[in-house]
Amino acid sequence: DGGIVPETAATARRAGADVLVAGTAVFRHPPYAR
């Protein structure tokens, strides 16, 4: 949780994260499916 955007999500996933919390990366970029 924190600063999760596609680039950092990739880093976190490679390190083993199962759940990605994202706030502004989702809600500031409608439509949200993208």
Full PDB file with SEQRES, HELIX, SHEET, SSBOND, CRYST1, ORIGX, SCALE, CONECT and MASTER records, all heavy atoms in Angstrom:
SEQRES   1 A   34  ASP GLY GLY ILE VAL PRO GLU THR ALA ALA THR ALA ARG          
SEQRES   2 A   34  ARG ALA GLY ALA ASP VAL LEU VAL ALA GLY THR ALA VAL          
SEQRES   3 A   34  PHE ARG HIS PRO PRO TYR ALA ARG                              
HELIX    1 AA1 PRO A    6  ALA A   15  1                                  10    
HELIX    2 AA2 THR A   24  PHE A   27  1                                   4    
CRYST1    1.000    1.000    1.000  90.00  90.00  90.00 P 1           1          
ORIGX1      1.000000  0.000000  0.000000        0.00000                         
ORIGX2      0.000000  1.000000  0.000000        0.00000                         
ORIGX3      0.000000  0.000000  1.000000        0.00000                         
SCALE1      1.000000  0.000000  0.000000        0.00000                         
SCALE2      0.000000  1.000000  0.000000        0.00000                         
SCALE3      0.000000  0.000000  1.000000        0.00000                         
ATOM      1  N   ASP A   1       0.848  -1.192   0.000  1.00  0.00           N  
ATOM      2  CA  ASP A   1       0.000   0.000   0.000  1.00  0.00           C  
ATOM      3  C   ASP A   1       0.880   1.238   0.000  1.00  0.00           C  
ATOM      4  O   ASP A   1       1.652   1.454   0.933  1.00  0.00           O  
ATOM      5  CB  ASP A   1      -0.903  -0.008   1.239  1.00  0.00           C  
ATOM      6  CG  ASP A   1      -1.827   1.201   1.321  1.00  0.00           C  
ATOM      7  OD1 ASP A   1      -1.850   2.020   0.383  1.00  0.00           O  
ATOM      8  OD2 ASP A   1      -2.528   1.322   2.337  1.00  0.00           O  
ATOM      9  N   GLY A   2       0.753   2.036  -1.056  1.00  0.00           N  
ATOM     10  CA  GLY A   2       1.442   3.314  -1.099  1.00  0.00           C  
ATOM     11  C   GLY A   2       2.227   3.516  -2.380  1.00  0.00           C  
ATOM     12  O   GLY A   2       3.149   2.761  -2.682  1.00  0.00           O  
ATOM     13  N   GLY A   3       1.832   4.514  -3.167  1.00  0.00           N  
ATOM     14  CA  GLY A   3       2.562   4.820  -4.385  1.00  0.00           C  
ATOM     15  C   GLY A   3       2.439   3.746  -5.450  1.00  0.00           C  
ATOM     16  O   GLY A   3       3.327   3.591  -6.296  1.00  0.00           O  
ATOM     17  N   ILE A   4       1.322   3.003  -5.434  1.00  0.00           N  
ATOM     18  CA  ILE A   4       1.158   1.905  -6.385  1.00  0.00           C  
ATOM     19  C   ILE A   4       0.559   2.427  -7.696  1.00  0.00           C  
ATOM     20  O   ILE A   4      -0.567   2.906  -7.743  1.00  0.00           O  
ATOM     21  CB  ILE A   4       0.282   0.782  -5.798  1.00  0.00           C  
ATOM     22  CG1 ILE A   4       0.968   0.172  -4.576  1.00  0.00           C  
ATOM     23  CG2 ILE A   4       0.012  -0.285  -6.850  1.00  0.00           C  
ATOM     24  CD1 ILE A   4       2.315  -0.459  -4.846  1.00  0.00           C  
ATOM     25  N   VAL A   5       1.365   2.340  -8.732  1.00  0.00           N  
ATOM     26  CA  VAL A   5       1.002   2.624 -10.113  1.00  0.00           C  
ATOM     27  C   VAL A   5       1.502   1.411 -10.913  1.00  0.00           C  
ATOM     28  O   VAL A   5       2.146   0.534 -10.333  1.00  0.00           O  
ATOM     29  CB  VAL A   5       1.657   3.937 -10.608  1.00  0.00           C  
ATOM     30  CG1 VAL A   5       1.138   5.127  -9.814  1.00  0.00           C  
ATOM     31  CG2 VAL A   5       3.183   3.856 -10.489  1.00  0.00           C  
ATOM     32  N   PRO A   6       1.211   1.302 -12.215  1.00  0.00           N  
ATOM     33  CA  PRO A   6       1.632   0.091 -12.913  1.00  0.00           C  
ATOM     34  C   PRO A   6       3.115  -0.254 -12.769  1.00  0.00           C  
ATOM     35  O   PRO A   6       3.471  -1.425 -12.608  1.00  0.00           O  
ATOM     36  CB  PRO A   6       1.246   0.389 -14.367  1.00  0.00           C  
ATOM     37  CG  PRO A   6       0.009   1.225 -14.228  1.00  0.00           C  
ATOM     38  CD  PRO A   6       0.288   2.114 -13.050  1.00  0.00           C  
ATOM     39  N   GLU A   7       3.992   0.748 -12.788  1.00  0.00           N  
ATOM     40  CA  GLU A   7       5.430   0.461 -12.695  1.00  0.00           C  
ATOM     41  C   GLU A   7       5.793  -0.109 -11.324  1.00  0.00           C  
ATOM     42  O   GLU A   7       6.531  -1.105 -11.224  1.00  0.00           O  
ATOM     43  CB  GLU A   7       6.241   1.735 -12.972  1.00  0.00           C  
ATOM     44  CG  GLU A   7       6.117   2.270 -14.378  1.00  0.00           C  
ATOM     45  CD  GLU A   7       4.799   2.996 -14.650  1.00  0.00           C  
ATOM     46  OE1 GLU A   7       4.094   3.352 -13.677  1.00  0.00           O  
ATOM     47  OE2 GLU A   7       4.476   3.203 -15.834  1.00  0.00           O  
ATOM     48  N   THR A   8       5.294   0.505 -10.257  1.00  0.00           N  
ATOM     49  CA  THR A   8       5.622  -0.003  -8.920  1.00  0.00           C  
ATOM     50  C   THR A   8       4.831  -1.262  -8.601  1.00  0.00           C  
ATOM     51  O   THR A   8       5.290  -2.111  -7.834  1.00  0.00           O  
ATOM     52  CB  THR A   8       5.363   1.070  -7.857  1.00  0.00           C  
ATOM     53  OG1 THR A   8       4.002   1.534  -7.948  1.00  0.00           O  
ATOM     54  CG2 THR A   8       6.309   2.251  -8.036  1.00  0.00           C  
ATOM     55  N   ALA A   9       3.653  -1.401  -9.205  1.00  0.00           N  
ATOM     56  CA  ALA A   9       2.901  -2.650  -9.045  1.00  0.00           C  
ATOM     57  C   ALA A   9       3.699  -3.819  -9.603  1.00  0.00           C  
ATOM     58  O   ALA A   9       3.731  -4.910  -9.016  1.00  0.00           O  
ATOM     59  CB  ALA A   9       1.545  -2.549  -9.748  1.00  0.00           C  
ATOM     60  N   ALA A  10       4.357  -3.611 -10.736  1.00  0.00           N  
ATOM     61  CA  ALA A  10       5.183  -4.669 -11.316  1.00  0.00           C  
ATOM     62  C   ALA A  10       6.325  -5.036 -10.375  1.00  0.00           C  
ATOM     63  O   ALA A  10       6.632  -6.219 -10.178  1.00  0.00           O  
ATOM     64  CB  ALA A  10       5.731  -4.217 -12.671  1.00  0.00           C  
ATOM     65  N   THR A  11       6.953  -4.029  -9.766  1.00  0.00           N  
ATOM     66  CA  THR A  11       8.021  -4.281  -8.800  1.00  0.00           C  
ATOM     67  C   THR A  11       7.501  -5.082  -7.619  1.00  0.00           C  
ATOM     68  O   THR A  11       8.126  -6.060  -7.175  1.00  0.00           O  
ATOM     69  CB  THR A  11       8.617  -2.953  -8.307  1.00  0.00           C  
ATOM     70  OG1 THR A  11       9.181  -2.253  -9.414  1.00  0.00           O  
ATOM     71  CG2 THR A  11       9.682  -3.172  -7.248  1.00  0.00           C  
ATOM     72  N   ALA A  12       6.353  -4.663  -7.096  1.00  0.00           N  
ATOM     73  CA  ALA A  12       5.772  -5.345  -5.933  1.00  0.00           C  
ATOM     74  C   ALA A  12       5.361  -6.770  -6.274  1.00  0.00           C  
ATOM     75  O   ALA A  12       5.544  -7.686  -5.466  1.00  0.00           O  
ATOM     76  CB  ALA A  12       4.571  -4.554  -5.422  1.00  0.00           C  
ATOM     77  N   ARG A  13       4.813  -6.968  -7.459  1.00  0.00           N  
ATOM     78  CA  ARG A  13       4.410  -8.316  -7.862  1.00  0.00           C  
ATOM     79  C   ARG A  13       5.621  -9.231  -8.009  1.00  0.00           C  
ATOM     80  O   ARG A  13       5.594 -10.387  -7.599  1.00  0.00           O  
ATOM     81  CB  ARG A  13       3.635  -8.256  -9.181  1.00  0.00           C  
ATOM     82  CG  ARG A  13       2.222  -7.737  -9.041  1.00  0.00           C  
ATOM     83  CD  ARG A  13       1.337  -8.748  -8.321  1.00  0.00           C  
ATOM     84  NE  ARG A  13       1.197  -9.974  -9.091  1.00  0.00           N  
ATOM     85  CZ  ARG A  13       0.959 -11.175  -8.568  1.00  0.00           C  
ATOM     86  NH1 ARG A  13       0.887 -11.325  -7.266  1.00  0.00           N  
ATOM     87  NH2 ARG A  13       0.817 -12.234  -9.336  1.00  0.00           N  
ATOM     88  N   ARG A  14       6.692  -8.712  -8.593  1.00  0.00           N  
ATOM     89  CA  ARG A  14       7.903  -9.526  -8.733  1.00  0.00           C  
ATOM     90  C   ARG A  14       8.463  -9.920  -7.375  1.00  0.00           C  
ATOM     91  O   ARG A  14       9.043 -11.000  -7.217  1.00  0.00           O  
ATOM     92  CB  ARG A  14       8.962  -8.770  -9.551  1.00  0.00           C  
ATOM     93  CG  ARG A  14       8.664  -8.710 -11.042  1.00  0.00           C  
ATOM     94  CD  ARG A  14       9.869  -8.232 -11.828  1.00  0.00           C  
ATOM     95  NE  ARG A  14      10.188  -6.845 -11.524  1.00  0.00           N  
ATOM     96  CZ  ARG A  14       9.743  -5.811 -12.212  1.00  0.00           C  
ATOM     97  NH1 ARG A  14       8.927  -5.998 -13.251  1.00  0.00           N  
ATOM     98  NH2 ARG A  14      10.099  -4.583 -11.889  1.00  0.00           N  
ATOM     99  N   ALA A  15       8.278  -9.045  -6.377  1.00  0.00           N  
ATOM    100  CA  ALA A  15       8.761  -9.339  -5.025  1.00  0.00           C  
ATOM    101  C   ALA A  15       7.823 -10.270  -4.269  1.00  0.00           C  
ATOM    102  O   ALA A  15       8.190 -10.781  -3.211  1.00  0.00           O  
ATOM    103  CB  ALA A  15       8.947  -8.037  -4.249  1.00  0.00           C  
ATOM    104  N   GLY A  16       6.585 -10.478  -4.789  1.00  0.00           N  
ATOM    105  CA  GLY A  16       5.678 -11.445  -4.188  1.00  0.00           C  
ATOM    106  C   GLY A  16       4.397 -10.911  -3.609  1.00  0.00           C  
ATOM    107  O   GLY A  16       3.656 -11.656  -2.962  1.00  0.00           O  
ATOM    108  N   ALA A  17       4.067  -9.641  -3.824  1.00  0.00           N  
ATOM    109  CA  ALA A  17       2.823  -9.089  -3.283  1.00  0.00           C  
ATOM    110  C   ALA A  17       1.609  -9.748  -3.934  1.00  0.00           C  
ATOM    111  O   ALA A  17       1.583  -9.965  -5.148  1.00  0.00           O  
ATOM    112  CB  ALA A  17       2.764  -7.584  -3.500  1.00  0.00           C  
ATOM    113  N   ASP A  18       0.608 -10.054  -3.112  1.00  0.00           N  
ATOM    114  CA  ASP A  18      -0.635 -10.666  -3.591  1.00  0.00           C  
ATOM    115  C   ASP A  18      -1.742  -9.647  -3.798  1.00  0.00           C  
ATOM    116  O   ASP A  18      -2.631  -9.846  -4.633  1.00  0.00           O  
ATOM    117  CB  ASP A  18      -1.147 -11.692  -2.568  1.00  0.00           C  
ATOM    118  CG  ASP A  18      -0.110 -12.722  -2.202  1.00  0.00           C  
ATOM    119  OD1 ASP A  18       0.305 -13.479  -3.093  1.00  0.00           O  
ATOM    120  OD2 ASP A  18       0.288 -12.773  -1.027  1.00  0.00           O  
ATOM    121  N   VAL A  19      -1.725  -8.580  -2.988  1.00  0.00           N  
ATOM    122  CA  VAL A  19      -2.797  -7.575  -3.005  1.00  0.00           C  
ATOM    123  C   VAL A  19      -2.173  -6.213  -3.229  1.00  0.00           C  
ATOM    124  O   VAL A  19      -1.237  -5.817  -2.507  1.00  0.00           O  
ATOM    125  CB  VAL A  19      -3.593  -7.568  -1.682  1.00  0.00           C  
ATOM    126  CG1 VAL A  19      -4.793  -6.618  -1.787  1.00  0.00           C  
ATOM    127  CG2 VAL A  19      -4.042  -8.966  -1.300  1.00  0.00           C  
ATOM    128  N   LEU A  20      -2.685  -5.475  -4.208  1.00  0.00           N  
ATOM    129  CA  LEU A  20      -2.186  -4.149  -4.539  1.00  0.00           C  
ATOM    130  C   LEU A  20      -3.239  -3.113  -4.161  1.00  0.00           C  
ATOM    131  O   LEU A  20      -4.351  -3.134  -4.691  1.00  0.00           O  
ATOM    132  CB  LEU A  20      -1.889  -4.047  -6.040  1.00  0.00           C  
ATOM    133  CG  LEU A  20      -0.947  -5.113  -6.617  1.00  0.00           C  
ATOM    134  CD1 LEU A  20      -0.903  -4.984  -8.142  1.00  0.00           C  
ATOM    135  CD2 LEU A  20       0.446  -4.987  -6.025  1.00  0.00           C  
ATOM    136  N   VAL A  21      -2.892  -2.236  -3.234  1.00  0.00           N  
ATOM    137  CA  VAL A  21      -3.782  -1.142  -2.847  1.00  0.00           C  
ATOM    138  C   VAL A  21      -3.421   0.076  -3.678  1.00  0.00           C  
ATOM    139  O   VAL A  21      -2.246   0.469  -3.742  1.00  0.00           O  
ATOM    140  CB  VAL A  21      -3.649  -0.820  -1.342  1.00  0.00           C  
ATOM    141  CG1 VAL A  21      -4.538   0.374  -0.973  1.00  0.00           C  
ATOM    142  CG2 VAL A  21      -4.013  -2.031  -0.501  1.00  0.00           C  
ATOM    143  N   ALA A  22      -4.403   0.680  -4.315  1.00  0.00           N  
ATOM    144  CA  ALA A  22      -4.153   1.857  -5.145  1.00  0.00           C  
ATOM    145  C   ALA A  22      -5.291   2.847  -4.970  1.00  0.00           C  
ATOM    146  O   ALA A  22      -6.458   2.465  -5.055  1.00  0.00           O  
ATOM    147  CB  ALA A  22      -4.015   1.458  -6.611  1.00  0.00           C  
ATOM    148  N   GLY A  23      -4.934   4.090  -4.723  1.00  0.00           N  
ATOM    149  CA  GLY A  23      -5.937   5.133  -4.548  1.00  0.00           C  
ATOM    150  C   GLY A  23      -5.997   6.054  -5.745  1.00  0.00           C  
ATOM    151  O   GLY A  23      -6.849   5.923  -6.618  1.00  0.00           O  
ATOM    152  N   THR A  24      -5.057   7.009  -5.801  1.00  0.00           N  
ATOM    153  CA  THR A  24      -5.082   7.981  -6.890  1.00  0.00           C  
ATOM    154  C   THR A  24      -4.854   7.325  -8.242  1.00  0.00           C  
ATOM    155  O   THR A  24      -5.365   7.798  -9.258  1.00  0.00           O  
ATOM    156  CB  THR A  24      -4.024   9.076  -6.660  1.00  0.00           C  
ATOM    157  OG1 THR A  24      -2.731   8.468  -6.517  1.00  0.00           O  
ATOM    158  CG2 THR A  24      -4.333   9.875  -5.401  1.00  0.00           C  
ATOM    159  N   ALA A  25      -4.098   6.225  -8.279  1.00  0.00           N  
ATOM    160  CA  ALA A  25      -3.848   5.546  -9.552  1.00  0.00           C  
ATOM    161  C   ALA A  25      -5.127   5.015 -10.174  1.00  0.00           C  
ATOM    162  O   ALA A  25      -5.188   4.808 -11.389  1.00  0.00           O  
ATOM    163  CB  ALA A  25      -2.853   4.398  -9.353  1.00  0.00           C  
ATOM    164  N   VAL A  26      -6.148   4.785  -9.349  1.00  0.00           N  
ATOM    165  CA  VAL A  26      -7.451   4.350  -9.853  1.00  0.00           C  
ATOM    166  C   VAL A  26      -8.395   5.535  -9.995  1.00  0.00           C  
ATOM    167  O   VAL A  26      -8.908   5.825 -11.082  1.00  0.00           O  
ATOM    168  CB  VAL A  26      -8.071   3.280  -8.931  1.00  0.00           C  
ATOM    169  CG1 VAL A  26      -9.522   2.981  -9.349  1.00  0.00           C  
ATOM    170  CG2 VAL A  26      -7.237   1.994  -8.953  1.00  0.00           C  
ATOM    171  N   PHE A  27      -8.623   6.252  -8.903  1.00  0.00           N  
ATOM    172  CA  PHE A  27      -9.720   7.223  -8.882  1.00  0.00           C  
ATOM    173  C   PHE A  27      -9.432   8.504  -9.660  1.00  0.00           C  
ATOM    174  O   PHE A  27     -10.357   9.256  -9.943  1.00  0.00           O  
ATOM    175  CB  PHE A  27     -10.097   7.542  -7.433  1.00  0.00           C  
ATOM    176  CG  PHE A  27     -10.850   6.420  -6.760  1.00  0.00           C  
ATOM    177  CD1 PHE A  27     -10.240   5.621  -5.809  1.00  0.00           C  
ATOM    178  CD2 PHE A  27     -12.162   6.150  -7.100  1.00  0.00           C  
ATOM    179  CE1 PHE A  27     -10.926   4.588  -5.199  1.00  0.00           C  
ATOM    180  CE2 PHE A  27     -12.856   5.110  -6.512  1.00  0.00           C  
ATOM    181  CZ  PHE A  27     -12.237   4.323  -5.555  1.00  0.00           C  
ATOM    182  N   ARG A  28      -8.197   8.746 -10.033  1.00  0.00           N  
ATOM    183  CA  ARG A  28      -7.902   9.921 -10.859  1.00  0.00           C  
ATOM    184  C   ARG A  28      -7.830   9.582 -12.342  1.00  0.00           C  
ATOM    185  O   ARG A  28      -7.485  10.436 -13.155  1.00  0.00           O  
ATOM    186  CB  ARG A  28      -6.591  10.563 -10.412  1.00  0.00           C  
ATOM    187  CG  ARG A  28      -6.708  11.247  -9.054  1.00  0.00           C  
ATOM    188  CD  ARG A  28      -5.468  12.022  -8.703  1.00  0.00           C  
ATOM    189  NE  ARG A  28      -5.549  12.599  -7.369  1.00  0.00           N  
ATOM    190  CZ  ARG A  28      -4.553  13.232  -6.753  1.00  0.00           C  
ATOM    191  NH1 ARG A  28      -3.383  13.370  -7.368  1.00  0.00           N  
ATOM    192  NH2 ARG A  28      -4.707  13.717  -5.538  1.00  0.00           N  
ATOM    193  N   HIS A  29      -8.169   8.323 -12.682  1.00  0.00           N  
ATOM    194  CA  HIS A  29      -8.016   7.907 -14.077  1.00  0.00           C  
ATOM    195  C   HIS A  29      -9.228   7.120 -14.569  1.00  0.00           C  
ATOM    196  O   HIS A  29      -9.117   5.961 -14.946  1.00  0.00           O  
ATOM    197  CB  HIS A  29      -6.739   7.083 -14.227  1.00  0.00           C  
ATOM    198  CG  HIS A  29      -5.498   7.837 -13.873  1.00  0.00           C  
ATOM    199  ND1 HIS A  29      -4.879   8.718 -14.736  1.00  0.00           N  
ATOM    200  CD2 HIS A  29      -4.774   7.858 -12.718  1.00  0.00           C  
ATOM    201  CE1 HIS A  29      -3.831   9.242 -14.143  1.00  0.00           C  
ATOM    202  NE2 HIS A  29      -3.742   8.741 -12.926  1.00  0.00           N  
ATOM    203  N   PRO A  30     -10.410   7.752 -14.576  1.00  0.00           N  
ATOM    204  CA  PRO A  30     -11.578   7.064 -15.121  1.00  0.00           C  
ATOM    205  C   PRO A  30     -11.436   6.907 -16.634  1.00  0.00           C  
ATOM    206  O   PRO A  30     -10.681   7.652 -17.270  1.00  0.00           O  
ATOM    207  CB  PRO A  30     -12.717   8.016 -14.759  1.00  0.00           C  
ATOM    208  CG  PRO A  30     -12.072   9.366 -14.669  1.00  0.00           C  
ATOM    209  CD  PRO A  30     -10.686   9.125 -14.152  1.00  0.00           C  
ATOM    210  N   PRO A  31     -12.155   5.952 -17.225  1.00  0.00           N  
ATOM    211  CA  PRO A  31     -12.998   4.946 -16.585  1.00  0.00           C  
ATOM    212  C   PRO A  31     -12.142   3.919 -15.849  1.00  0.00           C  
ATOM    213  O   PRO A  31     -11.073   3.545 -16.314  1.00  0.00           O  
ATOM    214  CB  PRO A  31     -13.757   4.324 -17.759  1.00  0.00           C  
ATOM    215  CG  PRO A  31     -12.843   4.524 -18.937  1.00  0.00           C  
ATOM    216  CD  PRO A  31     -12.156   5.836 -18.706  1.00  0.00           C  
ATOM    217  N   TYR A  32     -12.642   3.432 -14.706  1.00  0.00           N  
ATOM    218  CA  TYR A  32     -11.803   2.715 -13.764  1.00  0.00           C  
ATOM    219  C   TYR A  32     -11.362   1.327 -14.227  1.00  0.00           C  
ATOM    220  O   TYR A  32     -10.395   0.778 -13.705  1.00  0.00           O  
ATOM    221  CB  TYR A  32     -12.511   2.615 -12.416  1.00  0.00           C  
ATOM    222  CG  TYR A  32     -12.808   3.962 -11.800  1.00  0.00           C  
ATOM    223  CD1 TYR A  32     -13.991   4.179 -11.080  1.00  0.00           C  
ATOM    224  CD2 TYR A  32     -11.932   5.026 -11.946  1.00  0.00           C  
ATOM    225  CE1 TYR A  32     -14.261   5.413 -10.516  1.00  0.00           C  
ATOM    226  CE2 TYR A  32     -12.200   6.264 -11.393  1.00  0.00           C  
ATOM    227  CZ  TYR A  32     -13.367   6.452 -10.679  1.00  0.00           C  
ATOM    228  OH  TYR A  32     -13.638   7.673 -10.124  1.00  0.00           O  
ATOM    229  N   ALA A  33     -12.044   0.753 -15.202  1.00  0.00           N  
ATOM    230  CA  ALA A  33     -11.621  -0.556 -15.704  1.00  0.00           C  
ATOM    231  C   ALA A  33     -10.214  -0.495 -16.287  1.00  0.00           C  
ATOM    232  O   ALA A  33      -9.454  -1.467 -16.195  1.00  0.00           O  
ATOM    233  CB  ALA A  33     -12.605  -1.067 -16.758  1.00  0.00           C  
ATOM    234  N   ARG A  34      -9.856   0.638 -16.845  1.00  0.00           N  
ATOM    235  CA  ARG A  34      -8.543   0.759 -17.480  1.00  0.00           C  
ATOM    236  C   ARG A  34      -7.411   0.737 -16.459  1.00  0.00           C  
ATOM    237  O   ARG A  34      -6.479  -0.071 -16.589  1.00  0.00           O  
ATOM    238  CB  ARG A  34      -8.511   2.034 -18.339  1.00  0.00           C  
ATOM    239  CG  ARG A  34      -7.245   2.221 -19.139  1.00  0.00           C  
ATOM    240  CD  ARG A  34      -7.431   3.351 -20.122  1.00  0.00           C  
ATOM    241  NE  ARG A  34      -7.897   4.570 -19.464  1.00  0.00           N  
ATOM    242  CZ  ARG A  34      -8.438   5.603 -20.112  1.00  0.00           C  
ATOM    243  NH1 ARG A  34      -8.608   5.532 -21.422  1.00  0.00           N  
ATOM    244  NH2 ARG A  34      -8.816   6.671 -19.459  1.00  0.00           N  
TER     245      ARG A  34                                                      
MASTER        0    0    0    2    0    0    0    6  244    1    0    3          
END                                                                             
